[in-house]
Amino acid sequence: AMATTLARYKLRPGYFLTVGTLQPRKNVGRLLDAWLTLPKSLRDDRALVVVGARGWRCEALVAQLEAAQANGENVVWLDKLTDSQQLRHLYAGAGVFAFPSLYEGFGIPVVEAFASRVPVVASNASSLPEVTQGAALEVDPLDTGLLANALQTLANDTRERARCIAAGRARAEQLTWHATARQTAEVYRALLSQ
């Protein structure tokens, strides 16, 4: 089933994946810049796959993605993906999940990646460190060089990959929807009793 989805989008397993509506706070432009600095052999081997519909103020990013594709770069943008089964397959086929968001309320895609046993590079900003709790490689989302290093580490360093996959899986189990729902209920109760 996963193979069918990957074949449909002409993807080889092991790609770098990011998921989220294209808008400035998702910081996908810097992720693309970071990926473009990786060695050509690595870029040829591991595509950058961006899953997300056009959002607010995304024109510059769309132009950036299209320019990379026009230059023959291994960049895939899936803007019309609405099938949740296919999305699960795309997570499962990824080699590294990247989420360099500048601002996140919670960061559901990171949890999805953890649950799919994919190592994660995440931003050290906003609420993400609370979600990842050390299970991801956390980087300054404004630093393209550090972002590129983290991508390369999780692509190439078997031990660090294994550590992040194991820690991510454990973290995903702690963050089951049941727990999230309970925490949300407690937050509402606390707000109402103030």
C-alpha atoms as a PDB file:
ATOM      1  CA  ALA A   1       0.000   0.000   0.000  1.00  0.00           C
ATOM      2  CA  MET A   2       2.805   2.390   0.941  1.00  0.00           C
ATOM      3  CA  ALA A   3       4.670   1.327  -2.189  1.00  0.00           C
ATOM      4  CA  THR A   4       1.641   2.269  -4.318  1.00  0.00           C
ATOM      5  CA  THR A   5       1.467   5.764  -2.811  1.00  0.00           C
ATOM      6  CA  LEU A   6       5.214   6.330  -3.240  1.00  0.00           C
ATOM      7  CA  ALA A   7       5.100   5.053  -6.823  1.00  0.00           C
ATOM      8  CA  ARG A   8       2.174   7.344  -7.560  1.00  0.00           C
ATOM      9  CA  TYR A   9       4.269  10.385  -6.620  1.00  0.00           C
ATOM     10  CA  LYS A  10       7.494   8.874  -8.038  1.00  0.00           C
ATOM     11  CA  LEU A  11       9.174   8.870  -4.635  1.00  0.00           C
ATOM     12  CA  ARG A  12      12.005   6.643  -3.430  1.00  0.00           C
ATOM     13  CA  PRO A  13      11.853   5.882   0.320  1.00  0.00           C
ATOM     14  CA  GLY A  14      14.210   7.820   2.579  1.00  0.00           C
ATOM     15  CA  TYR A  15      13.296  11.363   1.483  1.00  0.00           C
ATOM     16  CA  PHE A  16      13.240  14.446   3.694  1.00  0.00           C
ATOM     17  CA  LEU A  17       9.611  15.295   4.482  1.00  0.00           C
ATOM     18  CA  THR A  18       7.825  18.347   5.842  1.00  0.00           C
ATOM     19  CA  VAL A  19       4.056  18.731   6.250  1.00  0.00           C
ATOM     20  CA  GLY A  20       1.953  21.864   6.770  1.00  0.00           C
ATOM     21  CA  THR A  21       0.177  24.687   4.979  1.00  0.00           C
ATOM     22  CA  LEU A  22       2.635  26.916   3.134  1.00  0.00           C
ATOM     23  CA  GLN A  23       2.817  30.107   5.192  1.00  0.00           C
ATOM     24  CA  PRO A  24       5.694  32.139   6.617  1.00  0.00           C
ATOM     25  CA  ARG A  25       5.621  30.725  10.152  1.00  0.00           C
ATOM     26  CA  LYS A  26       6.249  27.198   8.831  1.00  0.00           C
ATOM     27  CA  ASN A  27       9.690  28.377   7.672  1.00  0.00           C
ATOM     28  CA  VAL A  28       9.787  26.040   4.642  1.00  0.00           C
ATOM     29  CA  GLY A  29      11.853  28.546   2.651  1.00  0.00           C
ATOM     30  CA  ARG A  30      14.767  28.129   5.068  1.00  0.00           C
ATOM     31  CA  LEU A  31      14.316  24.357   5.011  1.00  0.00           C
ATOM     32  CA  LEU A  32      14.624  24.423   1.215  1.00  0.00           C
ATOM     33  CA  ASP A  33      17.725  26.641   1.476  1.00  0.00           C
ATOM     34  CA  ALA A  34      19.243  24.217   4.005  1.00  0.00           C
ATOM     35  CA  TRP A  35      18.471  21.187   1.830  1.00  0.00           C
ATOM     36  CA  LEU A  36      20.027  22.921  -1.190  1.00  0.00           C
ATOM     37  CA  THR A  37      23.334  23.226   0.683  1.00  0.00           C
ATOM     38  CA  LEU A  38      23.551  19.451   1.219  1.00  0.00           C
ATOM     39  CA  PRO A  39      25.991  17.496  -0.985  1.00  0.00           C
ATOM     40  CA  LYS A  40      24.523  16.811  -4.432  1.00  0.00           C
ATOM     41  CA  SER A  41      24.843  13.049  -3.955  1.00  0.00           C
ATOM     42  CA  LEU A  42      22.633  13.285  -0.843  1.00  0.00           C
ATOM     43  CA  ARG A  43      20.068  15.517  -2.595  1.00  0.00           C
ATOM     44  CA  ASP A  44      19.908  13.146  -5.560  1.00  0.00           C
ATOM     45  CA  ASP A  45      19.405  10.247  -3.180  1.00  0.00           C
ATOM     46  CA  ARG A  46      16.927  11.913  -0.820  1.00  0.00           C
ATOM     47  CA  ALA A  47      14.336  14.261  -2.272  1.00  0.00           C
ATOM     48  CA  LEU A  48      12.836  17.129  -0.301  1.00  0.00           C
ATOM     49  CA  VAL A  49       9.090  16.411  -0.177  1.00  0.00           C
ATOM     50  CA  VAL A  50       6.837  19.299   0.853  1.00  0.00           C
ATOM     51  CA  VAL A  51       3.223  18.381   1.604  1.00  0.00           C
ATOM     52  CA  GLY A  52       0.997  21.411   2.029  1.00  0.00           C
ATOM     53  CA  ALA A  53      -1.620  23.543   0.370  1.00  0.00           C
ATOM     54  CA  ARG A  54      -0.997  27.172  -0.513  1.00  0.00           C
ATOM     55  CA  GLY A  55      -1.546  29.391   2.498  1.00  0.00           C
ATOM     56  CA  TRP A  56      -1.214  33.005   3.482  1.00  0.00           C
ATOM     57  CA  ARG A  57       1.678  34.950   1.900  1.00  0.00           C
ATOM     58  CA  CYS A  58       3.190  31.907   0.209  1.00  0.00           C
ATOM     59  CA  GLU A  59       4.019  33.451  -3.205  1.00  0.00           C
ATOM     60  CA  ALA A  60       7.774  33.794  -2.574  1.00  0.00           C
ATOM     61  CA  LEU A  61       8.007  30.227  -1.283  1.00  0.00           C
ATOM     62  CA  VAL A  62       6.055  28.836  -4.250  1.00  0.00           C
ATOM     63  CA  ALA A  63       8.436  30.686  -6.581  1.00  0.00           C
ATOM     64  CA  GLN A  64      11.406  29.236  -4.630  1.00  0.00           C
ATOM     65  CA  LEU A  65      10.047  25.670  -4.887  1.00  0.00           C
ATOM     66  CA  GLU A  66       9.300  26.062  -8.589  1.00  0.00           C
ATOM     67  CA  ALA A  67      12.752  27.531  -9.282  1.00  0.00           C
ATOM     68  CA  ALA A  68      14.425  24.563  -7.561  1.00  0.00           C
ATOM     69  CA  GLN A  69      12.337  22.157  -9.636  1.00  0.00           C
ATOM     70  CA  ALA A  70      13.139  24.078 -12.825  1.00  0.00           C
ATOM     71  CA  ASN A  71      16.847  23.721 -11.947  1.00  0.00           C
ATOM     72  CA  GLY A  72      16.398  19.965 -11.924  1.00  0.00           C
ATOM     73  CA  GLU A  73      16.553  19.680  -8.127  1.00  0.00           C
ATOM     74  CA  ASN A  74      14.968  16.660  -6.459  1.00  0.00           C
ATOM     75  CA  VAL A  75      12.156  18.710  -4.872  1.00  0.00           C
ATOM     76  CA  VAL A  76       8.571  17.436  -4.783  1.00  0.00           C
ATOM     77  CA  TRP A  77       5.658  19.650  -3.730  1.00  0.00           C
ATOM     78  CA  LEU A  78       2.323  17.917  -3.101  1.00  0.00           C
ATOM     79  CA  ASP A  79      -0.259  20.656  -2.642  1.00  0.00           C
ATOM     80  CA  LYS A  80      -3.434  18.675  -3.244  1.00  0.00           C
ATOM     81  CA  LEU A  81      -2.980  15.753  -0.873  1.00  0.00           C
ATOM     82  CA  THR A  82      -6.220  15.237   1.066  1.00  0.00           C
ATOM     83  CA  ASP A  83      -6.184  11.445   1.561  1.00  0.00           C
ATOM     84  CA  SER A  84      -5.155  10.690   5.182  1.00  0.00           C
ATOM     85  CA  GLN A  85      -4.135   7.126   4.263  1.00  0.00           C
ATOM     86  CA  GLN A  86      -1.759   8.479   1.618  1.00  0.00           C
ATOM     87  CA  LEU A  87      -0.401  10.996   4.103  1.00  0.00           C
ATOM     88  CA  ARG A  88       0.337   8.133   6.529  1.00  0.00           C
ATOM     89  CA  HIS A  89       2.182   6.322   3.744  1.00  0.00           C
ATOM     90  CA  LEU A  90       4.238   9.450   3.027  1.00  0.00           C
ATOM     91  CA  TYR A  91       5.253   9.671   6.697  1.00  0.00           C
ATOM     92  CA  ALA A  92       6.139   5.974   6.753  1.00  0.00           C
ATOM     93  CA  GLY A  93       8.311   6.272   3.634  1.00  0.00           C
ATOM     94  CA  ALA A  94      10.285   9.279   4.881  1.00  0.00           C
ATOM     95  CA  GLY A  95      13.901   9.007   6.033  1.00  0.00           C
ATOM     96  CA  VAL A  96      13.885  12.276   8.003  1.00  0.00           C
ATOM     97  CA  PHE A  97      11.015  14.539   9.052  1.00  0.00           C
ATOM     98  CA  ALA A  98      11.807  18.253   9.266  1.00  0.00           C
ATOM     99  CA  PHE A  99       9.647  20.768  11.125  1.00  0.00           C
ATOM    100  CA  PRO A 100      11.514  24.069  11.474  1.00  0.00           C
ATOM    101  CA  SER A 101       8.388  26.046  12.386  1.00  0.00           C
ATOM    102  CA  LEU A 102       8.824  29.515  13.922  1.00  0.00           C
ATOM    103  CA  TYR A 103       5.566  29.283  15.850  1.00  0.00           C
ATOM    104  CA  GLU A 104       3.432  26.253  16.679  1.00  0.00           C
ATOM    105  CA  GLY A 105       0.502  25.764  18.994  1.00  0.00           C
ATOM    106  CA  PHE A 106       1.236  22.071  19.353  1.00  0.00           C
ATOM    107  CA  GLY A 107       2.964  20.519  16.334  1.00  0.00           C
ATOM    108  CA  ILE A 108       0.796  17.516  15.430  1.00  0.00           C
ATOM    109  CA  PRO A 109       3.014  16.620  12.405  1.00  0.00           C
ATOM    110  CA  VAL A 110       5.956  16.025  14.755  1.00  0.00           C
ATOM    111  CA  VAL A 111       3.887  13.535  16.760  1.00  0.00           C
ATOM    112  CA  GLU A 112       2.785  11.846  13.507  1.00  0.00           C
ATOM    113  CA  ALA A 113       6.433  11.477  12.502  1.00  0.00           C
ATOM    114  CA  PHE A 114       7.356  10.098  15.937  1.00  0.00           C
ATOM    115  CA  ALA A 115       4.529   7.557  15.685  1.00  0.00           C
ATOM    116  CA  SER A 116       5.683   6.615  12.172  1.00  0.00           C
ATOM    117  CA  ARG A 117       9.188   5.902  13.512  1.00  0.00           C
ATOM    118  CA  VAL A 118      10.843   8.634  11.491  1.00  0.00           C
ATOM    119  CA  PRO A 119      13.641  10.686  13.103  1.00  0.00           C
ATOM    120  CA  VAL A 120      12.766  14.375  13.449  1.00  0.00           C
ATOM    121  CA  VAL A 121      14.595  17.676  13.092  1.00  0.00           C
ATOM    122  CA  ALA A 122      12.487  20.301  14.855  1.00  0.00           C
ATOM    123  CA  SER A 123      12.685  23.954  15.669  1.00  0.00           C
ATOM    124  CA  ASN A 124      13.754  24.859  19.219  1.00  0.00           C
ATOM    125  CA  ALA A 125      11.185  27.682  19.171  1.00  0.00           C
ATOM    126  CA  SER A 126       7.706  28.153  20.576  1.00  0.00           C
ATOM    127  CA  SER A 127       5.946  25.064  21.977  1.00  0.00           C
ATOM    128  CA  LEU A 128       7.948  22.483  20.029  1.00  0.00           C
ATOM    129  CA  PRO A 129      10.594  21.651  22.683  1.00  0.00           C
ATOM    130  CA  GLU A 130       7.711  20.839  25.062  1.00  0.00           C
ATOM    131  CA  VAL A 131       6.320  18.416  22.492  1.00  0.00           C
ATOM    132  CA  THR A 132       9.626  16.811  21.486  1.00  0.00           C
ATOM    133  CA  GLN A 133      11.260  16.725  24.957  1.00  0.00           C
ATOM    134  CA  GLY A 134      14.657  15.822  23.529  1.00  0.00           C
ATOM    135  CA  ALA A 135      13.352  13.151  21.134  1.00  0.00           C
ATOM    136  CA  ALA A 136      14.160  15.320  18.089  1.00  0.00           C
ATOM    137  CA  LEU A 137      17.292  17.144  16.970  1.00  0.00           C
ATOM    138  CA  GLU A 138      16.335  20.676  17.968  1.00  0.00           C
ATOM    139  CA  VAL A 139      17.814  23.572  16.033  1.00  0.00           C
ATOM    140  CA  ASP A 140      17.492  27.321  15.814  1.00  0.00           C
ATOM    141  CA  PRO A 141      14.950  27.673  12.977  1.00  0.00           C
ATOM    142  CA  LEU A 142      16.639  30.875  11.754  1.00  0.00           C
ATOM    143  CA  ASP A 143      20.007  29.169  11.254  1.00  0.00           C
ATOM    144  CA  THR A 144      20.100  27.502   7.838  1.00  0.00           C
ATOM    145  CA  GLY A 145      23.547  26.006   8.496  1.00  0.00           C
ATOM    146  CA  LEU A 146      22.470  24.255  11.699  1.00  0.00           C
ATOM    147  CA  LEU A 147      19.329  23.036   9.981  1.00  0.00           C
ATOM    148  CA  ALA A 148      21.394  21.558   7.134  1.00  0.00           C
ATOM    149  CA  ASN A 149      23.760  19.881   9.626  1.00  0.00           C
ATOM    150  CA  ALA A 150      20.849  18.292  11.481  1.00  0.00           C
ATOM    151  CA  LEU A 151      19.309  17.018   8.223  1.00  0.00           C
ATOM    152  CA  GLN A 152      22.635  15.499   7.236  1.00  0.00           C
ATOM    153  CA  THR A 153      23.164  13.935  10.676  1.00  0.00           C
ATOM    154  CA  LEU A 154      19.802  12.180  10.632  1.00  0.00           C
ATOM    155  CA  ALA A 155      20.340  11.040   7.049  1.00  0.00           C
ATOM    156  CA  ASN A 156      23.813   9.603   7.668  1.00  0.00           C
ATOM    157  CA  ASP A 157      24.435   8.895  11.363  1.00  0.00           C
ATOM    158  CA  THR A 158      22.945   5.469  12.120  1.00  0.00           C
ATOM    159  CA  ARG A 159      23.321   5.782  15.881  1.00  0.00           C
ATOM    160  CA  GLU A 160      21.714   9.228  16.115  1.00  0.00           C
ATOM    161  CA  ARG A 161      18.891   8.078  13.808  1.00  0.00           C
ATOM    162  CA  ALA A 162      18.234   5.056  16.022  1.00  0.00           C
ATOM    163  CA  ARG A 163      18.267   7.202  19.169  1.00  0.00           C
ATOM    164  CA  CYS A 164      15.795   9.704  17.714  1.00  0.00           C
ATOM    165  CA  ILE A 165      13.490   6.976  16.374  1.00  0.00           C
ATOM    166  CA  ALA A 166      13.360   5.182  19.728  1.00  0.00           C
ATOM    167  CA  ALA A 167      12.920   8.394  21.738  1.00  0.00           C
ATOM    168  CA  GLY A 168      10.287   9.654  19.297  1.00  0.00           C
ATOM    169  CA  ARG A 169       8.306   6.459  19.497  1.00  0.00           C
ATOM    170  CA  ALA A 170       8.304   6.602  23.310  1.00  0.00           C
ATOM    171  CA  ARG A 171       7.271  10.256  23.195  1.00  0.00           C
ATOM    172  CA  ALA A 172       4.419   9.498  20.769  1.00  0.00           C
ATOM    173  CA  GLU A 173       3.098   6.896  23.203  1.00  0.00           C
ATOM    174  CA  GLN A 174       3.083   9.497  25.994  1.00  0.00           C
ATOM    175  CA  LEU A 175       1.253  11.916  23.730  1.00  0.00           C
ATOM    176  CA  THR A 176      -1.625   9.656  22.791  1.00  0.00           C
ATOM    177  CA  TRP A 177      -4.852  11.452  21.953  1.00  0.00           C
ATOM    178  CA  HIS A 178      -6.370  10.274  25.218  1.00  0.00           C
ATOM    179  CA  ALA A 179      -3.683  12.087  27.207  1.00  0.00           C
ATOM    180  CA  THR A 180      -3.935  15.146  24.962  1.00  0.00           C
ATOM    181  CA  ALA A 181      -7.714  15.284  25.412  1.00  0.00           C
ATOM    182  CA  ARG A 182      -7.351  14.973  29.176  1.00  0.00           C
ATOM    183  CA  GLN A 183      -4.724  17.726  29.319  1.00  0.00           C
ATOM    184  CA  THR A 184      -6.907  19.957  27.142  1.00  0.00           C
ATOM    185  CA  ALA A 185      -9.879  19.386  29.450  1.00  0.00           C
ATOM    186  CA  GLU A 186      -7.725  20.289  32.465  1.00  0.00           C
ATOM    187  CA  VAL A 187      -6.550  23.470  30.758  1.00  0.00           C
ATOM    188  CA  TYR A 188     -10.170  24.499  30.080  1.00  0.00           C
ATOM    189  CA  ARG A 189     -11.146  23.720  33.653  1.00  0.00           C
ATOM    190  CA  ALA A 190      -8.242  25.796  34.975  1.00  0.00           C
ATOM    191  CA  LEU A 191      -9.228  28.715  32.754  1.00  0.00           C
ATOM    192  CA  LEU A 192     -12.867  28.539  33.756  1.00  0.00           C
ATOM    193  CA  SER A 193     -12.087  28.439  37.475  1.00  0.00           C
ATOM    194  CA  GLN A 194      -9.928  31.583  37.377  1.00  0.00           C
END
